[in-house]
Amino acid sequence: MPIQLNSYAEFQKFMDDTCAAVGAPIDLAPHHRFWSVAYNDFITGNVFGVQILIVGNAADSGIIHALKGEAPFDGTSFPQMPPTAAFPQDAIDTVADWINRNCPS
């Protein structure tokens, strides 16, 4: 069951904790902890040319496609993220909920 994230700081901690829990060595990723930037940079930014998210619209957000392994993160352009260990569905749902609630800061 997803948990509710009520701030960007909670989102950042959740991403760090989930990466650690699934054994994803995020410090070795070429984009590192891309969620460690300032809030406005994160919600409007991109990673390698892919928009990270669309505030209020998880279904069309790059981070959700990446975590689910959906195009372009299906191996055709990029691997599913993280590539070494998948996020469980409830963790993806938690991220999606935060996005759909307009990314509380």
PDB file of N, CA and C in Angstrom:
ATOM      1  N   MET A   1       0.848  -1.178   0.000  1.00  0.00           N
ATOM      2  CA  MET A   1       0.000   0.000   0.000  1.00  0.00           C
ATOM      3  C   MET A   1       0.892   1.239   0.000  1.00  0.00           C
ATOM      4  N   PRO A   2       0.601   2.202  -0.903  1.00  0.00           N
ATOM      5  CA  PRO A   2       1.446   3.397  -0.960  1.00  0.00           C
ATOM      6  C   PRO A   2       1.285   4.266   0.279  1.00  0.00           C
ATOM      7  N   ILE A   3       2.342   5.000   0.577  1.00  0.00           N
ATOM      8  CA  ILE A   3       2.278   5.966   1.663  1.00  0.00           C
ATOM      9  C   ILE A   3       2.090   7.349   1.042  1.00  0.00           C
ATOM     10  N   GLN A   4       1.693   8.318   1.832  1.00  0.00           N
ATOM     11  CA  GLN A   4       1.497   9.663   1.309  1.00  0.00           C
ATOM     12  C   GLN A   4       2.712  10.519   1.632  1.00  0.00           C
ATOM     13  N   LEU A   5       3.294  11.084   0.602  1.00  0.00           N
ATOM     14  CA  LEU A   5       4.413  12.000   0.749  1.00  0.00           C
ATOM     15  C   LEU A   5       3.860  13.414   0.705  1.00  0.00           C
ATOM     16  N   ASN A   6       4.196  14.201   1.703  1.00  0.00           N
ATOM     17  CA  ASN A   6       3.605  15.529   1.833  1.00  0.00           C
ATOM     18  C   ASN A   6       4.566  16.682   1.576  1.00  0.00           C
ATOM     19  N   SER A   7       5.770  16.367   1.128  1.00  0.00           N
ATOM     20  CA  SER A   7       6.734  17.419   0.816  1.00  0.00           C
ATOM     21  C   SER A   7       7.810  16.856  -0.107  1.00  0.00           C
ATOM     22  N   TYR A   8       8.533  17.772  -0.728  1.00  0.00           N
ATOM     23  CA  TYR A   8       9.644  17.362  -1.577  1.00  0.00           C
ATOM     24  C   TYR A   8      10.724  16.670  -0.744  1.00  0.00           C
ATOM     25  N   ALA A   9      10.945  17.148   0.465  1.00  0.00           N
ATOM     26  CA  ALA A   9      11.930  16.507   1.348  1.00  0.00           C
ATOM     27  C   ALA A   9      11.524  15.057   1.628  1.00  0.00           C
ATOM     28  N   GLU A  10      10.252  14.818   1.861  1.00  0.00           N
ATOM     29  CA  GLU A  10       9.774  13.440   2.073  1.00  0.00           C
ATOM     30  C   GLU A  10       9.955  12.618   0.802  1.00  0.00           C
ATOM     31  N   PHE A  11       9.676  13.211  -0.347  1.00  0.00           N
ATOM     32  CA  PHE A  11       9.873  12.521  -1.621  1.00  0.00           C
ATOM     33  C   PHE A  11      11.347  12.136  -1.790  1.00  0.00           C
ATOM     34  N   GLN A  12      12.246  13.087  -1.541  1.00  0.00           N
ATOM     35  CA  GLN A  12      13.681  12.819  -1.678  1.00  0.00           C
ATOM     36  C   GLN A  12      14.127  11.683  -0.758  1.00  0.00           C
ATOM     37  N   LYS A  13      13.700  11.712   0.483  1.00  0.00           N
ATOM     38  CA  LYS A  13      14.055  10.652   1.433  1.00  0.00           C
ATOM     39  C   LYS A  13      13.468   9.320   0.978  1.00  0.00           C
ATOM     40  N   PHE A  14      12.231   9.342   0.502  1.00  0.00           N
ATOM     41  CA  PHE A  14      11.591   8.120   0.014  1.00  0.00           C
ATOM     42  C   PHE A  14      12.392   7.516  -1.142  1.00  0.00           C
ATOM     43  N   MET A  15      12.812   8.348  -2.078  1.00  0.00           N
ATOM     44  CA  MET A  15      13.605   7.851  -3.210  1.00  0.00           C
ATOM     45  C   MET A  15      14.934   7.262  -2.722  1.00  0.00           C
ATOM     46  N   ASP A  16      15.617   7.958  -1.830  1.00  0.00           N
ATOM     47  CA  ASP A  16      16.873   7.440  -1.279  1.00  0.00           C
ATOM     48  C   ASP A  16      16.651   6.113  -0.561  1.00  0.00           C
ATOM     49  N   ASP A  17      15.635   6.075   0.293  1.00  0.00           N
ATOM     50  CA  ASP A  17      15.356   4.863   1.076  1.00  0.00           C
ATOM     51  C   ASP A  17      14.950   3.697   0.180  1.00  0.00           C
ATOM     52  N   THR A  18      14.138   3.969  -0.841  1.00  0.00           N
ATOM     53  CA  THR A  18      13.686   2.897  -1.725  1.00  0.00           C
ATOM     54  C   THR A  18      14.842   2.364  -2.562  1.00  0.00           C
ATOM     55  N   CYS A  19      15.686   3.254  -3.059  1.00  0.00           N
ATOM     56  CA  CYS A  19      16.866   2.799  -3.805  1.00  0.00           C
ATOM     57  C   CYS A  19      17.737   1.901  -2.927  1.00  0.00           C
ATOM     58  N   ALA A  20      17.932   2.309  -1.685  1.00  0.00           N
ATOM     59  CA  ALA A  20      18.725   1.495  -0.760  1.00  0.00           C
ATOM     60  C   ALA A  20      18.054   0.150  -0.492  1.00  0.00           C
ATOM     61  N   ALA A  21      16.734   0.164  -0.303  1.00  0.00           N
ATOM     62  CA  ALA A  21      16.008  -1.069   0.019  1.00  0.00           C
ATOM     63  C   ALA A  21      16.052  -2.091  -1.117  1.00  0.00           C
ATOM     64  N   VAL A  22      16.031  -1.602  -2.367  1.00  0.00           N
ATOM     65  CA  VAL A  22      16.053  -2.545  -3.493  1.00  0.00           C
ATOM     66  C   VAL A  22      17.479  -2.833  -3.963  1.00  0.00           C
ATOM     67  N   GLY A  23      18.454  -2.194  -3.337  1.00  0.00           N
ATOM     68  CA  GLY A  23      19.849  -2.446  -3.689  1.00  0.00           C
ATOM     69  C   GLY A  23      20.293  -1.757  -4.960  1.00  0.00           C
ATOM     70  N   ALA A  24      19.693  -0.600  -5.261  1.00  0.00           N
ATOM     71  CA  ALA A  24      20.071   0.154  -6.452  1.00  0.00           C
ATOM     72  C   ALA A  24      21.206   1.115  -6.106  1.00  0.00           C
ATOM     73  N   PRO A  25      22.372   0.921  -6.688  1.00  0.00           N
ATOM     74  CA  PRO A  25      23.526   1.784  -6.381  1.00  0.00           C
ATOM     75  C   PRO A  25      23.423   3.116  -7.110  1.00  0.00           C
ATOM     76  N   ILE A  26      22.553   3.994  -6.621  1.00  0.00           N
ATOM     77  CA  ILE A  26      22.233   5.237  -7.320  1.00  0.00           C
ATOM     78  C   ILE A  26      23.457   6.121  -7.522  1.00  0.00           C
ATOM     79  N   ASP A  27      24.436   6.052  -6.655  1.00  0.00           N
ATOM     80  CA  ASP A  27      25.629   6.882  -6.826  1.00  0.00           C
ATOM     81  C   ASP A  27      26.441   6.472  -8.039  1.00  0.00           C
ATOM     82  N   LEU A  28      26.221   5.262  -8.543  1.00  0.00           N
ATOM     83  CA  LEU A  28      26.928   4.798  -9.732  1.00  0.00           C
ATOM     84  C   LEU A  28      26.186   5.141 -11.019  1.00  0.00           C
ATOM     85  N   ALA A  29      24.939   5.602 -10.914  1.00  0.00           N
ATOM     86  CA  ALA A  29      24.151   5.956 -12.096  1.00  0.00           C
ATOM     87  C   ALA A  29      24.713   7.229 -12.727  1.00  0.00           C
ATOM     88  N   PRO A  30      24.661   7.342 -14.049  1.00  0.00           N
ATOM     89  CA  PRO A  30      25.191   8.547 -14.696  1.00  0.00           C
ATOM     90  C   PRO A  30      24.462   9.817 -14.288  1.00  0.00           C
ATOM     91  N   HIS A  31      23.210   9.709 -13.871  1.00  0.00           N
ATOM     92  CA  HIS A  31      22.444  10.892 -13.454  1.00  0.00           C
ATOM     93  C   HIS A  31      22.491  11.097 -11.943  1.00  0.00           C
ATOM     94  N   HIS A  32      23.139  10.181 -11.223  1.00  0.00           N
ATOM     95  CA  HIS A  32      23.242  10.250  -9.762  1.00  0.00           C
ATOM     96  C   HIS A  32      21.857  10.455  -9.139  1.00  0.00           C
ATOM     97  N   ARG A  33      21.789  11.155  -8.040  1.00  0.00           N
ATOM     98  CA  ARG A  33      20.505  11.436  -7.370  1.00  0.00           C
ATOM     99  C   ARG A  33      19.890  12.675  -8.012  1.00  0.00           C
ATOM    100  N   PHE A  34      19.243  12.479  -9.161  1.00  0.00           N
ATOM    101  CA  PHE A  34      18.702  13.620  -9.892  1.00  0.00           C
ATOM    102  C   PHE A  34      17.600  14.323  -9.115  1.00  0.00           C
ATOM    103  N   TRP A  35      17.096  13.699  -8.062  1.00  0.00           N
ATOM    104  CA  TRP A  35      16.074  14.321  -7.211  1.00  0.00           C
ATOM    105  C   TRP A  35      16.692  15.150  -6.090  1.00  0.00           C
ATOM    106  N   SER A  36      17.994  15.334  -6.107  1.00  0.00           N
ATOM    107  CA  SER A  36      18.640  16.124  -5.046  1.00  0.00           C
ATOM    108  C   SER A  36      18.769  17.603  -5.418  1.00  0.00           C
ATOM    109  N   VAL A  37      18.249  17.978  -6.564  1.00  0.00           N
ATOM    110  CA  VAL A  37      18.289  19.381  -6.986  1.00  0.00           C
ATOM    111  C   VAL A  37      17.195  20.172  -6.274  1.00  0.00           C
ATOM    112  N   ALA A  38      17.207  21.479  -6.450  1.00  0.00           N
ATOM    113  CA  ALA A  38      16.168  22.331  -5.877  1.00  0.00           C
ATOM    114  C   ALA A  38      14.798  21.911  -6.420  1.00  0.00           C
ATOM    115  N   TYR A  39      13.775  22.100  -5.621  1.00  0.00           N
ATOM    116  CA  TYR A  39      12.418  21.684  -5.959  1.00  0.00           C
ATOM    117  C   TYR A  39      11.990  22.156  -7.349  1.00  0.00           C
ATOM    118  N   ASN A  40      12.101  23.458  -7.628  1.00  0.00           N
ATOM    119  CA  ASN A  40      11.659  23.978  -8.927  1.00  0.00           C
ATOM    120  C   ASN A  40      12.450  23.384 -10.082  1.00  0.00           C
ATOM    121  N   ASP A  41      13.733  23.127  -9.875  1.00  0.00           N
ATOM    122  CA  ASP A  41      14.536  22.487 -10.921  1.00  0.00           C
ATOM    123  C   ASP A  41      14.059  21.054 -11.162  1.00  0.00           C
ATOM    124  N   PHE A  42      13.667  20.379 -10.098  1.00  0.00           N
ATOM    125  CA  PHE A  42      13.195  18.998 -10.243  1.00  0.00           C
ATOM    126  C   PHE A  42      11.870  18.930 -10.978  1.00  0.00           C
ATOM    127  N   ILE A  43      10.902  19.744 -10.564  1.00  0.00           N
ATOM    128  CA  ILE A  43       9.566  19.619 -11.155  1.00  0.00           C
ATOM    129  C   ILE A  43       9.489  20.164 -12.580  1.00  0.00           C
ATOM    130  N   THR A  44      10.494  20.916 -13.002  1.00  0.00           N
ATOM    131  CA  THR A  44      10.514  21.432 -14.368  1.00  0.00           C
ATOM    132  C   THR A  44      11.648  20.861 -15.200  1.00  0.00           C
ATOM    133  N   GLY A  45      12.456  19.998 -14.605  1.00  0.00           N
ATOM    134  CA  GLY A  45      13.675  19.543 -15.259  1.00  0.00           C
ATOM    135  C   GLY A  45      13.533  18.302 -16.104  1.00  0.00           C
ATOM    136  N   ASN A  46      14.673  17.914 -16.659  1.00  0.00           N
ATOM    137  CA  ASN A  46      14.748  16.687 -17.437  1.00  0.00           C
ATOM    138  C   ASN A  46      16.061  15.992 -17.143  1.00  0.00           C
ATOM    139  N   VAL A  47      16.082  14.724 -17.466  1.00  0.00           N
ATOM    140  CA  VAL A  47      17.289  13.911 -17.336  1.00  0.00           C
ATOM    141  C   VAL A  47      17.553  13.309 -18.700  1.00  0.00           C
ATOM    142  N   PHE A  48      18.701  13.617 -19.279  1.00  0.00           N
ATOM    143  CA  PHE A  48      19.070  13.130 -20.602  1.00  0.00           C
ATOM    144  C   PHE A  48      17.982  13.414 -21.637  1.00  0.00           C
ATOM    145  N   GLY A  49      17.371  14.599 -21.551  1.00  0.00           N
ATOM    146  CA  GLY A  49      16.386  15.022 -22.519  1.00  0.00           C
ATOM    147  C   GLY A  49      14.974  14.535 -22.292  1.00  0.00           C
ATOM    148  N   VAL A  50      14.735  13.776 -21.228  1.00  0.00           N
ATOM    149  CA  VAL A  50      13.394  13.285 -20.921  1.00  0.00           C
ATOM    150  C   VAL A  50      12.855  14.090 -19.746  1.00  0.00           C
ATOM    151  N   GLN A  51      11.663  14.676 -19.929  1.00  0.00           N
ATOM    152  CA  GLN A  51      11.040  15.443 -18.856  1.00  0.00           C
ATOM    153  C   GLN A  51      10.785  14.531 -17.667  1.00  0.00           C
ATOM    154  N   ILE A  52      11.247  14.949 -16.482  1.00  0.00           N
ATOM    155  CA  ILE A  52      11.135  14.121 -15.284  1.00  0.00           C
ATOM    156  C   ILE A  52       9.682  13.870 -14.942  1.00  0.00           C
ATOM    157  N   LEU A  53       8.906  14.940 -14.881  1.00  0.00           N
ATOM    158  CA  LEU A  53       7.499  14.743 -14.517  1.00  0.00           C
ATOM    159  C   LEU A  53       6.639  15.862 -15.046  1.00  0.00           C
ATOM    160  N   ILE A  54       5.359  15.584 -15.046  1.00  0.00           N
ATOM    161  CA  ILE A  54       4.343  16.577 -15.360  1.00  0.00           C
ATOM    162  C   ILE A  54       3.509  16.712 -14.086  1.00  0.00           C
ATOM    163  N   VAL A  55       3.633  17.862 -13.451  1.00  0.00           N
ATOM    164  CA  VAL A  55       2.944  18.087 -12.185  1.00  0.00           C
ATOM    165  C   VAL A  55       1.453  17.801 -12.365  1.00  0.00           C
ATOM    166  N   GLY A  56       0.912  16.930 -11.499  1.00  0.00           N
ATOM    167  CA  GLY A  56      -0.499  16.568 -11.543  1.00  0.00           C
ATOM    168  C   GLY A  56      -0.825  15.438 -12.497  1.00  0.00           C
ATOM    169  N   ASN A  57       0.179  14.903 -13.211  1.00  0.00           N
ATOM    170  CA  ASN A  57      -0.075  13.883 -14.224  1.00  0.00           C
ATOM    171  C   ASN A  57       0.991  12.793 -14.184  1.00  0.00           C
ATOM    172  N   ALA A  58       0.846  11.888 -13.255  1.00  0.00           N
ATOM    173  CA  ALA A  58       1.826  10.810 -13.117  1.00  0.00           C
ATOM    174  C   ALA A  58       1.862   9.905 -14.340  1.00  0.00           C
ATOM    175  N   ALA A  59       0.708   9.649 -14.938  1.00  0.00           N
ATOM    176  CA  ALA A  59       0.632   8.712 -16.059  1.00  0.00           C
ATOM    177  C   ALA A  59       1.528   9.114 -17.228  1.00  0.00           C
ATOM    178  N   ASP A  60       1.748  10.407 -17.411  1.00  0.00           N
ATOM    179  CA  ASP A  60       2.581  10.881 -18.509  1.00  0.00           C
ATOM    180  C   ASP A  60       3.957  11.351 -18.053  1.00  0.00           C
ATOM    181  N   SER A  61       4.315  11.094 -16.811  1.00  0.00           N
ATOM    182  CA  SER A  61       5.585  11.553 -16.257  1.00  0.00           C
ATOM    183  C   SER A  61       6.712  10.568 -16.530  1.00  0.00           C
ATOM    184  N   GLY A  62       7.855  11.112 -16.935  1.00  0.00           N
ATOM    185  CA  GLY A  62       9.010  10.286 -17.257  1.00  0.00           C
ATOM    186  C   GLY A  62       9.457   9.392 -16.122  1.00  0.00           C
ATOM    187  N   ILE A  63       9.417   9.897 -14.899  1.00  0.00           N
ATOM    188  CA  ILE A  63       9.886   9.091 -13.770  1.00  0.00           C
ATOM    189  C   ILE A  63       9.018   7.845 -13.579  1.00  0.00           C
ATOM    190  N   ILE A  64       7.728   7.949 -13.824  1.00  0.00           N
ATOM    191  CA  ILE A  64       6.843   6.789 -13.693  1.00  0.00           C
ATOM    192  C   ILE A  64       7.122   5.800 -14.818  1.00  0.00           C
ATOM    193  N   HIS A  65       7.284   6.298 -16.043  1.00  0.00           N
ATOM    194  CA  HIS A  65       7.630   5.402 -17.157  1.00  0.00           C
ATOM    195  C   HIS A  65       8.952   4.690 -16.879  1.00  0.00           C
ATOM    196  N   ALA A  66       9.911   5.428 -16.311  1.00  0.00           N
ATOM    197  CA  ALA A  66      11.218   4.837 -16.005  1.00  0.00           C
ATOM    198  C   ALA A  66      11.104   3.743 -14.953  1.00  0.00           C
ATOM    199  N   LEU A  67      10.336   4.011 -13.899  1.00  0.00           N
ATOM    200  CA  LEU A  67      10.197   3.031 -12.820  1.00  0.00           C
ATOM    201  C   LEU A  67       9.413   1.789 -13.257  1.00  0.00           C
ATOM    202  N   LYS A  68       8.487   1.966 -14.216  1.00  0.00           N
ATOM    203  CA  LYS A  68       7.682   0.840 -14.708  1.00  0.00           C
ATOM    204  C   LYS A  68       8.340   0.104 -15.875  1.00  0.00           C
ATOM    205  N   GLY A  69       9.381   0.702 -16.464  1.00  0.00           N
ATOM    206  CA  GLY A  69      10.020   0.084 -17.624  1.00  0.00           C
ATOM    207  C   GLY A  69       9.221   0.259 -18.899  1.00  0.00           C
ATOM    208  N   GLU A  70       8.515   1.381 -18.988  1.00  0.00           N
ATOM    209  CA  GLU A  70       7.714   1.696 -20.170  1.00  0.00           C
ATOM    210  C   GLU A  70       8.521   2.602 -21.098  1.00  0.00           C
ATOM    211  N   ALA A  71       8.190   2.592 -22.390  1.00  0.00           N
ATOM    212  CA  ALA A  71       8.901   3.403 -23.374  1.00  0.00           C
ATOM    213  C   ALA A  71       9.017   4.850 -22.897  1.00  0.00           C
ATOM    214  N   PRO A  72      10.142   5.474 -23.063  1.00  0.00           N
ATOM    215  CA  PRO A  72      11.352   5.001 -23.728  1.00  0.00           C
ATOM    216  C   PRO A  72      12.301   4.226 -22.806  1.00  0.00           C
ATOM    217  N   PHE A  73      11.802   3.830 -21.629  1.00  0.00           N
ATOM    218  CA  PHE A  73      12.624   3.113 -20.638  1.00  0.00           C
ATOM    219  C   PHE A  73      12.381   1.611 -20.688  1.00  0.00           C
ATOM    220  N   ASP A  74      12.084   1.107 -21.860  1.00  0.00           N
ATOM    221  CA  ASP A  74      11.809  -0.320 -22.050  1.00  0.00           C
ATOM    222  C   ASP A  74      12.980  -1.035 -22.708  1.00  0.00           C
ATOM    223  N   GLY A  75      14.118  -0.354 -22.729  1.00  0.00           N
ATOM    224  CA  GLY A  75      15.308  -0.927 -23.342  1.00  0.00           C
ATOM    225  C   GLY A  75      15.537  -0.445 -24.755  1.00  0.00           C
ATOM    226  N   THR A  76      14.553   0.210 -25.372  1.00  0.00           N
ATOM    227  CA  THR A  76      14.732   0.699 -26.731  1.00  0.00           C
ATOM    228  C   THR A  76      15.611   1.939 -26.771  1.00  0.00           C
ATOM    229  N   SER A  77      15.382   2.867 -25.842  1.00  0.00           N
ATOM    230  CA  SER A  77      16.211   4.075 -25.743  1.00  0.00           C
ATOM    231  C   SER A  77      17.000   4.112 -24.448  1.00  0.00           C
ATOM    232  N   PHE A  78      16.348   3.699 -23.367  1.00  0.00           N
ATOM    233  CA  PHE A  78      16.953   3.700 -22.044  1.00  0.00           C
ATOM    234  C   PHE A  78      16.513   2.430 -21.319  1.00  0.00           C
ATOM    235  N   PRO A  79      17.299   1.984 -20.329  1.00  0.00           N
ATOM    236  CA  PRO A  79      16.848   0.843 -19.525  1.00  0.00           C
ATOM    237  C   PRO A  79      15.819   1.282 -18.492  1.00  0.00           C
ATOM    238  N   GLN A  80      15.084   0.308 -17.975  1.00  0.00           N
ATOM    239  CA  GLN A  80      14.202   0.592 -16.840  1.00  0.00           C
ATOM    240  C   GLN A  80      15.064   1.122 -15.710  1.00  0.00           C
ATOM    241  N   MET A  81      14.514   1.996 -14.903  1.00  0.00           N
ATOM    242  CA  MET A  81      15.266   2.557 -13.783  1.00  0.00           C
ATOM    243  C   MET A  81      14.641   2.124 -12.462  1.00  0.00           C
ATOM    244  N   PRO A  82      15.430   1.816 -11.501  1.00  0.00           N
ATOM    245  CA  PRO A  82      16.859   1.580 -11.647  1.00  0.00           C
ATOM    246  C   PRO A  82      17.108   0.278 -12.394  1.00  0.00           C
ATOM    247  N   PRO A  83      18.199   0.200 -13.135  1.00  0.00           N
ATOM    248  CA  PRO A  83      18.426  -0.969 -13.985  1.00  0.00           C
ATOM    249  C   PRO A  83      18.805  -2.245 -13.230  1.00  0.00           C
ATOM    250  N   THR A  84      19.258  -2.099 -12.000  1.00  0.00           N
ATOM    251  CA  THR A  84      19.735  -3.278 -11.272  1.00  0.00           C
ATOM    252  C   THR A  84      18.687  -3.920 -10.382  1.00  0.00           C
ATOM    253  N   ALA A  85      17.634  -3.194 -10.039  1.00  0.00           N
ATOM    254  CA  ALA A  85      16.607  -3.729  -9.142  1.00  0.00           C
ATOM    255  C   ALA A  85      15.363  -2.860  -9.256  1.00  0.00           C
ATOM    256  N   ALA A  86      14.247  -3.464  -9.577  1.00  0.00           N
ATOM    257  CA  ALA A  86      13.016  -2.700  -9.800  1.00  0.00           C
ATOM    258  C   ALA A  86      12.386  -2.225  -8.497  1.00  0.00           C
ATOM    259  N   PHE A  87      11.772  -1.057  -8.563  1.00  0.00           N
ATOM    260  CA  PHE A  87      10.970  -0.561  -7.447  1.00  0.00           C
ATOM    261  C   PHE A  87       9.719  -1.435  -7.350  1.00  0.00           C
ATOM    262  N   PRO A  88       9.272  -1.765  -6.144  1.00  0.00           N
ATOM    263  CA  PRO A  88       7.999  -2.486  -6.010  1.00  0.00           C
ATOM    264  C   PRO A  88       6.841  -1.576  -6.424  1.00  0.00           C
ATOM    265  N   GLN A  89       5.737  -2.187  -6.833  1.00  0.00           N
ATOM    266  CA  GLN A  89       4.588  -1.418  -7.321  1.00  0.00           C
ATOM    267  C   GLN A  89       4.087  -0.412  -6.290  1.00  0.00           C
ATOM    268  N   ASP A  90       4.087  -0.777  -5.016  1.00  0.00           N
ATOM    269  CA  ASP A  90       3.591   0.189  -4.028  1.00  0.00           C
ATOM    270  C   ASP A  90       4.487   1.421  -3.948  1.00  0.00           C
ATOM    271  N   ALA A  91       5.772   1.274  -4.196  1.00  0.00           N
ATOM    272  CA  ALA A  91       6.676   2.428  -4.212  1.00  0.00           C
ATOM    273  C   ALA A  91       6.395   3.301  -5.436  1.00  0.00           C
ATOM    274  N   ILE A  92       6.150   2.673  -6.577  1.00  0.00           N
ATOM    275  CA  ILE A  92       5.784   3.426  -7.783  1.00  0.00           C
ATOM    276  C   ILE A  92       4.475   4.168  -7.541  1.00  0.00           C
ATOM    277  N   ASP A  93       3.531   3.492  -6.901  1.00  0.00           N
ATOM    278  CA  ASP A  93       2.246   4.123  -6.588  1.00  0.00           C
ATOM    279  C   ASP A  93       2.416   5.320  -5.655  1.00  0.00           C
ATOM    280  N   THR A  94       3.353   5.234  -4.728  1.00  0.00           N
ATOM    281  CA  THR A  94       3.632   6.348  -3.814  1.00  0.00           C
ATOM    282  C   THR A  94       4.157   7.552  -4.583  1.00  0.00           C
ATOM    283  N   VAL A  95       5.089   7.324  -5.498  1.00  0.00           N
ATOM    284  CA  VAL A  95       5.631   8.407  -6.319  1.00  0.00           C
ATOM    285  C   VAL A  95       4.519   8.995  -7.192  1.00  0.00           C
ATOM    286  N   ALA A  96       3.718   8.133  -7.805  1.00  0.00           N
ATOM    287  CA  ALA A  96       2.619   8.592  -8.662  1.00  0.00           C
ATOM    288  C   ALA A  96       1.620   9.430  -7.874  1.00  0.00           C
ATOM    289  N   ASP A  97       1.312   9.012  -6.670  1.00  0.00           N
ATOM    290  CA  ASP A  97       0.375   9.769  -5.833  1.00  0.00           C
ATOM    291  C   ASP A  97       0.919  11.161  -5.541  1.00  0.00           C
ATOM    292  N   TRP A  98       2.209  11.257  -5.210  1.00  0.00           N
ATOM    293  CA  TRP A  98       2.829  12.556  -4.939  1.00  0.00           C
ATOM    294  C   TRP A  98       2.717  13.456  -6.172  1.00  0.00           C
ATOM    295  N   ILE A  99       2.982  12.907  -7.348  1.00  0.00           N
ATOM    296  CA  ILE A  99       2.877  13.690  -8.586  1.00  0.00           C
ATOM    297  C   ILE A  99       1.434  14.112  -8.835  1.00  0.00           C
ATOM    298  N   ASN A 100       0.504  13.156  -8.707  1.00  0.00           N
ATOM    299  CA  ASN A 100      -0.903  13.455  -8.970  1.00  0.00           C
ATOM    300  C   ASN A 100      -1.479  14.472  -8.000  1.00  0.00           C
ATOM    301  N   ARG A 101      -0.876  14.597  -6.821  1.00  0.00           N
ATOM    302  CA  ARG A 101      -1.306  15.605  -5.839  1.00  0.00           C
ATOM    303  C   ARG A 101      -0.532  16.904  -6.025  1.00  0.00           C
ATOM    304  N   ASN A 102      -0.021  17.103  -7.245  1.00  0.00           N
ATOM    305  CA  ASN A 102       0.676  18.340  -7.637  1.00  0.00           C
ATOM    306  C   ASN A 102       1.998  18.548  -6.923  1.00  0.00           C
ATOM    307  N   CYS A 103       2.673  17.465  -6.584  1.00  0.00           N
ATOM    308  CA  CYS A 103       4.026  17.514  -6.041  1.00  0.00           C
ATOM    309  C   CYS A 103       4.155  18.469  -4.860  1.00  0.00           C
ATOM    310  N   PRO A 104       3.463  18.178  -3.748  1.00  0.00           N
ATOM    311  CA  PRO A 104       3.567  19.083  -2.593  1.00  0.00           C
ATOM    312  C   PRO A 104       5.029  19.402  -2.274  1.00  0.00           C
ATOM    313  N   SER A 105       5.275  20.678  -2.060  1.00  0.00           N
ATOM    314  CA  SER A 105       6.649  21.096  -1.777  1.00  0.00           C
ATOM    315  C   SER A 105       6.905  21.108  -0.285  1.00  0.00           C
TER     316      SER A 105
END
